[in-house]
Amino acid sequence: MTTDTPARLLQLLSLLQTPREWPGGELAERLSVSRRTVRRDIDRLRELGYPVQATKGSDGGYRLVAGKAMPPLVLDDEEAVAIAVGLRAGAGHAVEGVDEASVRALAKLEQVLPSRLRHRVSTLQAATTPLTSGDGASIAPETLTVMASTVAGRERLRFAYRAKDGTESRRLTEPYRLVSTGRRWYLVAYDLEREDWRTFRVDRVREPFATGVRFAPREVPKGDPAEYLRQSIQRRQETYEFDVAFAAPAEYVAGRMPAWFGSPVEQEGGCSLRGVTGDPVEWLAVRLAMVGCEFSVRGPGELVDCVRELGGRMARAGATGRPH
């Protein structure tokens, strides 16, 4: 019989988090306790905020249902490793849709993983290669998790940085936010030595180190780290304005285009999207085609020509690939 109540509660919670209903008798057998003890343990879990639903019957059953808040999860070794590997793979390639929340989750998980499981995660990560990846530079997941932890903890961050021209420097910063553009990760931070705000491409960061020194957050320029990053990038590179009309509702297009490009505006017959970008026109042309609806490019001319050429190339490829 299990006499360690905390250990028994964790074992019971692990069972209940499996998506099925557990008869009271089966739970009692699994835990080597009486059904009365199972009922008391269920009450304890409810007091801790776990929404356990009971069903009536000769044996009675219990299952964990969705509640108003997210209670702590209990993962076995295999589940923890699977989640960590998935988060590391996504974060390391800056896949569109994998934003700071995923990095924070990875930082929290790796912080509490036992050393034996961290070793398994690292070994599996090193032994596998993804078939596809984003077109941005790859980033070590450890770099992102260190940065995410300093952002969340308002802790000064020191790191080595390589600028676009190859210049190496050491930076001491107050990290404010990690921002994903869909292809790359950037750190928005206050540079203490330069006494000004800066943006840093995370793939150019090396040896990030959390100093342990806390700081009071400053007000980021423009009031929004994403907007500050957008304007910062525009100042450093050649950009162009684009204007595209879609034959689909704005909500549909917004769900299939990176927020980085702006918000579509409803218009008769669909919506329009205007923005500024420094991305190659070839990449933007492909990205527009991936929205999955009819569209027309109203500018610039280079993008119009690129879309026309891409469309012709795809049509020819489709014609020559027909079975005979």
Protein backbone atom coordinates (compact mmCIF):
# COMPACT_ATOMS: atom_id res chain seq x y z
CA MET A 1 0.00 0.00 0.00
CA THR A 2 1.32 3.46 -0.93
CA THR A 3 1.66 5.45 2.30
CA ASP A 4 3.45 8.51 0.84
CA THR A 5 0.48 10.80 0.15
CA PRO A 6 2.31 13.36 -2.10
CA ALA A 7 3.83 10.58 -4.20
CA ARG A 8 0.46 8.85 -4.45
CA LEU A 9 -1.26 12.09 -5.52
CA LEU A 10 1.31 12.61 -8.27
CA GLN A 11 0.81 9.04 -9.46
CA LEU A 12 -2.97 9.51 -9.42
CA LEU A 13 -2.67 12.79 -11.32
CA SER A 14 -0.46 11.16 -13.93
CA LEU A 15 -3.13 8.51 -14.51
CA LEU A 16 -5.96 11.04 -14.71
CA GLN A 17 -4.13 13.14 -17.28
CA THR A 18 -4.50 10.25 -19.71
CA PRO A 19 -7.59 11.10 -21.86
CA ARG A 20 -9.90 8.38 -20.56
CA GLU A 21 -12.25 7.65 -17.68
CA TRP A 22 -10.84 5.60 -14.80
CA PRO A 23 -13.15 3.36 -12.73
CA GLY A 24 -12.61 3.86 -9.02
CA GLY A 25 -11.78 0.20 -8.53
CA GLU A 26 -9.06 0.28 -11.21
CA LEU A 27 -7.48 3.38 -9.67
CA ALA A 28 -7.51 1.72 -6.25
CA GLU A 29 -5.81 -1.34 -7.71
CA ARG A 30 -3.20 0.72 -9.56
CA LEU A 31 -2.36 2.70 -6.42
CA SER A 32 -2.67 -0.27 -4.03
CA VAL A 33 -5.10 1.63 -1.81
CA SER A 34 -8.77 1.41 -0.88
CA ARG A 35 -11.54 3.06 -2.90
CA ARG A 36 -12.17 5.31 0.07
CA THR A 37 -8.58 6.55 -0.12
CA VAL A 38 -9.02 7.18 -3.85
CA ARG A 39 -12.07 9.34 -3.11
CA ARG A 40 -10.14 11.33 -0.50
CA ASP A 41 -7.24 11.82 -2.93
CA ILE A 42 -9.66 13.01 -5.63
CA ASP A 43 -10.97 15.61 -3.18
CA ARG A 44 -7.40 16.75 -2.47
CA LEU A 45 -6.73 17.22 -6.19
CA ARG A 46 -9.90 19.27 -6.54
CA GLU A 47 -8.76 21.49 -3.66
CA LEU A 48 -5.50 22.04 -5.59
CA GLY A 49 -7.45 23.27 -8.61
CA TYR A 50 -7.62 20.12 -10.75
CA PRO A 51 -11.13 19.75 -12.28
CA VAL A 52 -11.79 16.04 -11.71
CA GLN A 53 -15.22 14.92 -12.86
CA ALA A 54 -16.91 11.92 -11.24
CA THR A 55 -19.54 9.71 -12.89
CA LYS A 56 -22.15 7.71 -11.07
CA GLY A 57 -22.52 3.96 -11.35
CA SER A 58 -21.84 0.69 -9.65
CA ASP A 59 -18.11 1.27 -9.78
CA GLY A 60 -17.98 5.01 -10.42
CA GLY A 61 -15.43 6.68 -12.65
CA TYR A 62 -13.15 9.72 -12.71
CA ARG A 63 -11.68 11.81 -15.48
CA LEU A 64 -9.83 15.12 -15.72
CA VAL A 65 -11.78 17.75 -17.65
CA ALA A 66 -10.95 21.21 -18.95
CA GLY A 67 -11.08 23.91 -16.27
CA LYS A 68 -10.86 27.67 -16.13
CA ALA A 69 -7.10 27.67 -15.48
CA MET A 70 -4.16 25.53 -16.50
CA PRO A 71 -3.08 23.43 -13.50
CA PRO A 72 0.42 21.92 -13.30
CA LEU A 73 0.99 18.94 -15.56
CA VAL A 74 2.70 15.72 -14.56
CA LEU A 75 4.78 14.18 -17.36
CA ASP A 76 6.56 10.86 -17.45
CA ASP A 77 10.11 10.64 -18.83
CA GLU A 78 9.09 9.86 -22.42
CA GLU A 79 6.50 12.66 -22.53
CA ALA A 80 8.94 15.23 -21.14
CA VAL A 81 11.61 14.27 -23.66
CA ALA A 82 9.14 14.38 -26.56
CA ILE A 83 7.89 17.86 -25.65
CA ALA A 84 11.40 19.24 -25.10
CA VAL A 85 12.66 17.89 -28.43
CA GLY A 86 9.67 19.35 -30.26
CA LEU A 87 10.10 22.79 -28.67
CA ARG A 88 13.85 22.80 -29.32
CA ALA A 89 13.37 21.88 -32.98
CA GLY A 90 10.77 24.59 -33.53
CA ALA A 91 12.60 27.29 -31.62
CA GLY A 92 15.96 26.53 -33.21
CA HIS A 93 14.65 27.17 -36.72
CA ALA A 94 12.41 30.16 -35.92
CA VAL A 95 9.45 28.53 -37.60
CA GLU A 96 6.61 30.91 -38.34
CA GLY A 97 4.04 30.68 -35.56
CA VAL A 98 6.56 29.54 -32.96
CA ASP A 99 6.85 32.73 -30.94
CA GLU A 100 8.14 33.77 -27.55
CA ALA A 101 5.54 31.70 -25.69
CA SER A 102 7.13 28.52 -27.07
CA VAL A 103 10.57 29.68 -26.02
CA ARG A 104 9.32 30.48 -22.52
CA ALA A 105 7.80 27.00 -22.30
CA LEU A 106 11.09 25.46 -23.38
CA ALA A 107 13.01 27.50 -20.81
CA LYS A 108 10.68 26.40 -18.02
CA LEU A 109 10.78 22.74 -19.05
CA GLU A 110 14.55 22.51 -19.41
CA GLN A 111 15.00 24.23 -16.07
CA VAL A 112 13.21 21.42 -14.22
CA LEU A 113 14.32 18.46 -16.34
CA PRO A 114 16.57 16.02 -14.45
CA SER A 115 20.11 15.85 -15.83
CA ARG A 116 19.51 12.36 -17.23
CA LEU A 117 16.57 13.64 -19.30
CA ARG A 118 18.43 16.76 -20.45
CA HIS A 119 21.15 14.43 -21.72
CA ARG A 120 18.57 12.35 -23.60
CA VAL A 121 17.09 15.46 -25.20
CA SER A 122 20.51 16.76 -26.28
CA THR A 123 21.54 13.36 -27.64
CA LEU A 124 18.35 12.97 -29.65
CA GLN A 125 18.59 16.51 -30.98
CA ALA A 126 22.19 16.00 -32.08
CA ALA A 127 21.39 12.72 -33.80
CA THR A 128 18.49 13.99 -35.93
CA THR A 129 18.29 16.30 -38.92
CA PRO A 130 15.02 17.92 -40.02
CA LEU A 131 13.93 17.35 -43.62
CA THR A 132 12.91 20.98 -43.93
CA SER A 133 13.72 24.13 -42.06
CA GLY A 134 13.01 27.82 -42.19
CA ASP A 135 14.97 30.03 -44.54
CA GLY A 136 16.45 31.95 -41.62
CA ALA A 137 19.66 31.09 -39.83
CA SER A 138 19.57 28.21 -37.36
CA ILE A 139 19.85 29.05 -33.66
CA ALA A 140 21.00 26.93 -30.74
CA PRO A 141 17.96 26.35 -28.50
CA GLU A 142 20.14 26.98 -25.44
CA THR A 143 20.71 30.53 -26.66
CA LEU A 144 16.98 31.20 -26.86
CA THR A 145 16.22 29.63 -23.49
CA VAL A 146 18.90 31.67 -21.71
CA MET A 147 17.57 34.85 -23.30
CA ALA A 148 13.95 33.97 -22.52
CA SER A 149 14.78 33.34 -18.87
CA THR A 150 16.50 36.74 -18.52
CA VAL A 151 13.57 38.50 -20.23
CA ALA A 152 11.08 36.82 -17.91
CA GLY A 153 13.22 37.39 -14.80
CA ARG A 154 14.24 40.96 -15.70
CA GLU A 155 17.86 39.96 -15.38
CA ARG A 156 20.82 41.61 -17.12
CA LEU A 157 22.24 39.61 -20.02
CA ARG A 158 25.84 39.59 -21.26
CA PHE A 159 26.83 38.09 -24.62
CA ALA A 160 29.27 38.22 -27.53
CA TYR A 161 27.87 39.72 -30.72
CA ARG A 162 28.95 39.67 -34.35
CA ALA A 163 27.69 42.62 -36.41
CA LYS A 164 26.74 42.42 -40.10
CA ASP A 165 30.21 43.59 -41.14
CA GLY A 166 31.87 40.90 -38.99
CA THR A 167 32.86 43.20 -36.11
CA GLU A 168 32.95 41.34 -32.78
CA SER A 169 31.91 42.97 -29.50
CA ARG A 170 30.79 42.18 -25.96
CA ARG A 171 27.41 43.53 -24.87
CA LEU A 172 25.82 44.06 -21.47
CA THR A 173 22.08 44.56 -21.83
CA GLU A 174 18.75 44.78 -20.11
CA PRO A 175 16.72 42.38 -22.31
CA TYR A 176 13.16 43.49 -22.94
CA ARG A 177 11.60 41.06 -25.41
CA LEU A 178 12.35 38.33 -27.95
CA VAL A 179 10.58 38.95 -31.27
CA SER A 180 10.14 36.42 -34.08
CA THR A 181 9.67 37.69 -37.63
CA GLY A 182 8.82 34.20 -38.90
CA ARG A 183 12.31 33.66 -40.34
CA ARG A 184 14.55 35.11 -37.64
CA TRP A 185 14.63 35.83 -33.92
CA TYR A 186 15.61 39.27 -32.62
CA LEU A 187 16.32 40.53 -29.11
CA VAL A 188 15.08 44.00 -28.22
CA ALA A 189 17.22 45.26 -25.34
CA TYR A 190 18.70 48.34 -23.70
CA ASP A 191 22.48 48.42 -24.23
CA LEU A 192 23.99 49.66 -20.97
CA GLU A 193 27.39 50.62 -22.38
CA ARG A 194 25.93 52.52 -25.34
CA GLU A 195 23.11 53.93 -23.19
CA ASP A 196 20.50 53.32 -25.88
CA TRP A 197 18.05 50.75 -27.18
CA ARG A 198 19.31 48.18 -29.66
CA THR A 199 18.03 45.18 -31.63
CA PHE A 200 20.20 42.07 -31.98
CA ARG A 201 19.84 39.18 -34.39
CA VAL A 202 19.87 36.13 -32.15
CA ASP A 203 21.72 33.97 -34.70
CA ARG A 204 24.68 36.38 -34.30
CA VAL A 205 24.74 36.03 -30.50
CA ARG A 206 27.31 33.80 -28.80
CA GLU A 207 27.94 32.83 -25.19
CA PRO A 208 24.82 34.39 -23.63
CA PHE A 209 25.24 34.67 -19.88
CA ALA A 210 22.64 35.60 -17.27
CA THR A 211 24.44 37.87 -14.79
CA GLY A 212 21.96 37.48 -11.95
CA VAL A 213 21.63 41.27 -11.62
CA ARG A 214 18.00 42.40 -11.66
CA PHE A 215 16.75 45.61 -13.27
CA ALA A 216 13.62 47.74 -13.42
CA PRO A 217 12.22 47.65 -16.98
CA ARG A 218 12.45 50.82 -19.06
CA GLU A 219 9.82 52.04 -21.51
CA VAL A 220 10.58 50.63 -24.94
CA PRO A 221 10.56 53.14 -27.84
CA LYS A 222 7.31 53.26 -29.83
CA GLY A 223 5.67 51.50 -26.88
CA ASP A 224 5.82 48.16 -28.72
CA PRO A 225 8.94 46.00 -29.21
CA ALA A 226 7.67 44.58 -32.52
CA GLU A 227 7.06 48.06 -33.96
CA TYR A 228 10.44 49.27 -32.71
CA LEU A 229 12.11 46.28 -34.37
CA ARG A 230 10.25 46.87 -37.63
CA GLN A 231 11.36 50.48 -37.84
CA SER A 232 14.88 49.58 -36.77
CA ILE A 233 15.21 47.05 -39.59
CA GLN A 234 13.80 49.50 -42.12
CA ARG A 235 16.43 52.07 -41.17
CA ARG A 236 19.23 49.58 -41.75
CA GLN A 237 18.25 48.10 -45.08
CA GLU A 238 16.72 48.95 -48.43
CA THR A 239 12.97 48.48 -48.28
CA TYR A 240 10.03 48.79 -50.64
CA GLU A 241 6.29 49.28 -50.32
CA PHE A 242 3.90 46.64 -51.61
CA ASP A 243 0.17 46.73 -52.34
CA VAL A 244 -1.80 43.52 -52.85
CA ALA A 245 -5.52 42.82 -53.26
CA PHE A 246 -6.95 39.44 -52.20
CA ALA A 247 -10.24 37.86 -53.23
CA ALA A 248 -10.86 36.69 -49.67
CA PRO A 249 -11.96 38.19 -46.35
CA ALA A 250 -9.42 40.08 -44.27
CA GLU A 251 -9.72 37.55 -41.44
CA TYR A 252 -8.81 34.71 -43.80
CA VAL A 253 -5.75 36.51 -45.19
CA ALA A 254 -4.59 37.66 -41.74
CA GLY A 255 -4.54 34.06 -40.58
CA ARG A 256 -2.24 33.07 -43.44
CA MET A 257 0.15 36.00 -43.65
CA PRO A 258 2.73 36.91 -40.98
CA ALA A 259 1.55 39.75 -38.75
CA TRP A 260 4.88 41.33 -39.61
CA PHE A 261 3.38 42.55 -42.92
CA GLY A 262 0.52 44.42 -41.32
CA SER A 263 -3.25 43.99 -41.12
CA PRO A 264 -5.43 43.43 -44.21
CA VAL A 265 -8.24 45.93 -44.77
CA GLU A 266 -11.68 44.85 -45.93
CA GLN A 267 -12.74 46.10 -49.35
CA GLU A 268 -15.36 45.21 -51.92
CA GLY A 269 -14.80 41.67 -53.14
CA GLY A 270 -12.12 40.85 -50.56
CA CYS A 271 -9.40 42.80 -48.82
CA SER A 272 -6.17 44.68 -49.45
CA LEU A 273 -2.79 44.55 -47.75
CA ARG A 274 -0.26 47.34 -47.85
CA GLY A 275 3.07 47.27 -46.10
CA VAL A 276 6.81 47.82 -46.19
CA THR A 277 9.39 45.05 -46.28
CA GLY A 278 13.03 44.44 -47.04
CA ASP A 279 12.48 40.80 -48.01
CA PRO A 280 13.47 39.68 -51.52
CA VAL A 281 10.59 40.04 -53.96
CA GLU A 282 10.97 36.35 -54.86
CA TRP A 283 10.28 35.33 -51.26
CA LEU A 284 7.29 37.67 -50.98
CA ALA A 285 5.85 36.35 -54.25
CA VAL A 286 5.96 32.79 -52.96
CA ARG A 287 4.50 33.88 -49.62
CA LEU A 288 1.56 35.55 -51.36
CA ALA A 289 0.87 32.43 -53.42
CA MET A 290 0.78 30.36 -50.23
CA VAL A 291 -2.21 32.33 -48.90
CA GLY A 292 -4.42 30.06 -50.97
CA CYS A 293 -6.75 32.47 -52.77
CA GLU A 294 -6.84 34.67 -55.86
CA PHE A 295 -4.81 37.86 -55.55
CA SER A 296 -3.46 40.70 -57.65
CA VAL A 297 -0.32 42.73 -57.05
CA ARG A 298 -0.74 46.48 -57.55
CA GLY A 299 2.86 47.35 -56.78
CA PRO A 300 5.77 47.60 -56.91
CA GLY A 301 6.60 46.76 -60.51
CA GLU A 302 9.40 44.38 -59.51
CA LEU A 303 6.94 42.31 -57.47
CA VAL A 304 4.41 42.33 -60.32
CA ASP A 305 7.05 41.01 -62.74
CA CYS A 306 8.21 38.39 -60.24
CA VAL A 307 4.67 37.09 -59.62
CA ARG A 308 3.99 36.96 -63.38
CA GLU A 309 7.21 35.03 -64.02
CA LEU A 310 6.57 32.68 -61.10
CA GLY A 311 3.02 32.03 -62.30
CA GLY A 312 4.20 31.20 -65.81
CA ARG A 313 6.91 28.89 -64.49
CA MET A 314 4.44 27.03 -62.27
CA ALA A 315 1.92 26.71 -65.12
CA ARG A 316 4.60 25.26 -67.42
CA ALA A 317 5.71 22.86 -64.69
CA GLY A 318 2.14 21.69 -64.23
CA ALA A 319 1.61 21.21 -67.97
CA THR A 320 4.76 19.16 -68.49
CA GLY A 321 4.02 17.05 -65.43
CA ARG A 322 0.67 15.73 -66.71
CA PRO A 323 0.48 11.95 -67.08
CA HIS A 324 0.26 10.67 -70.65
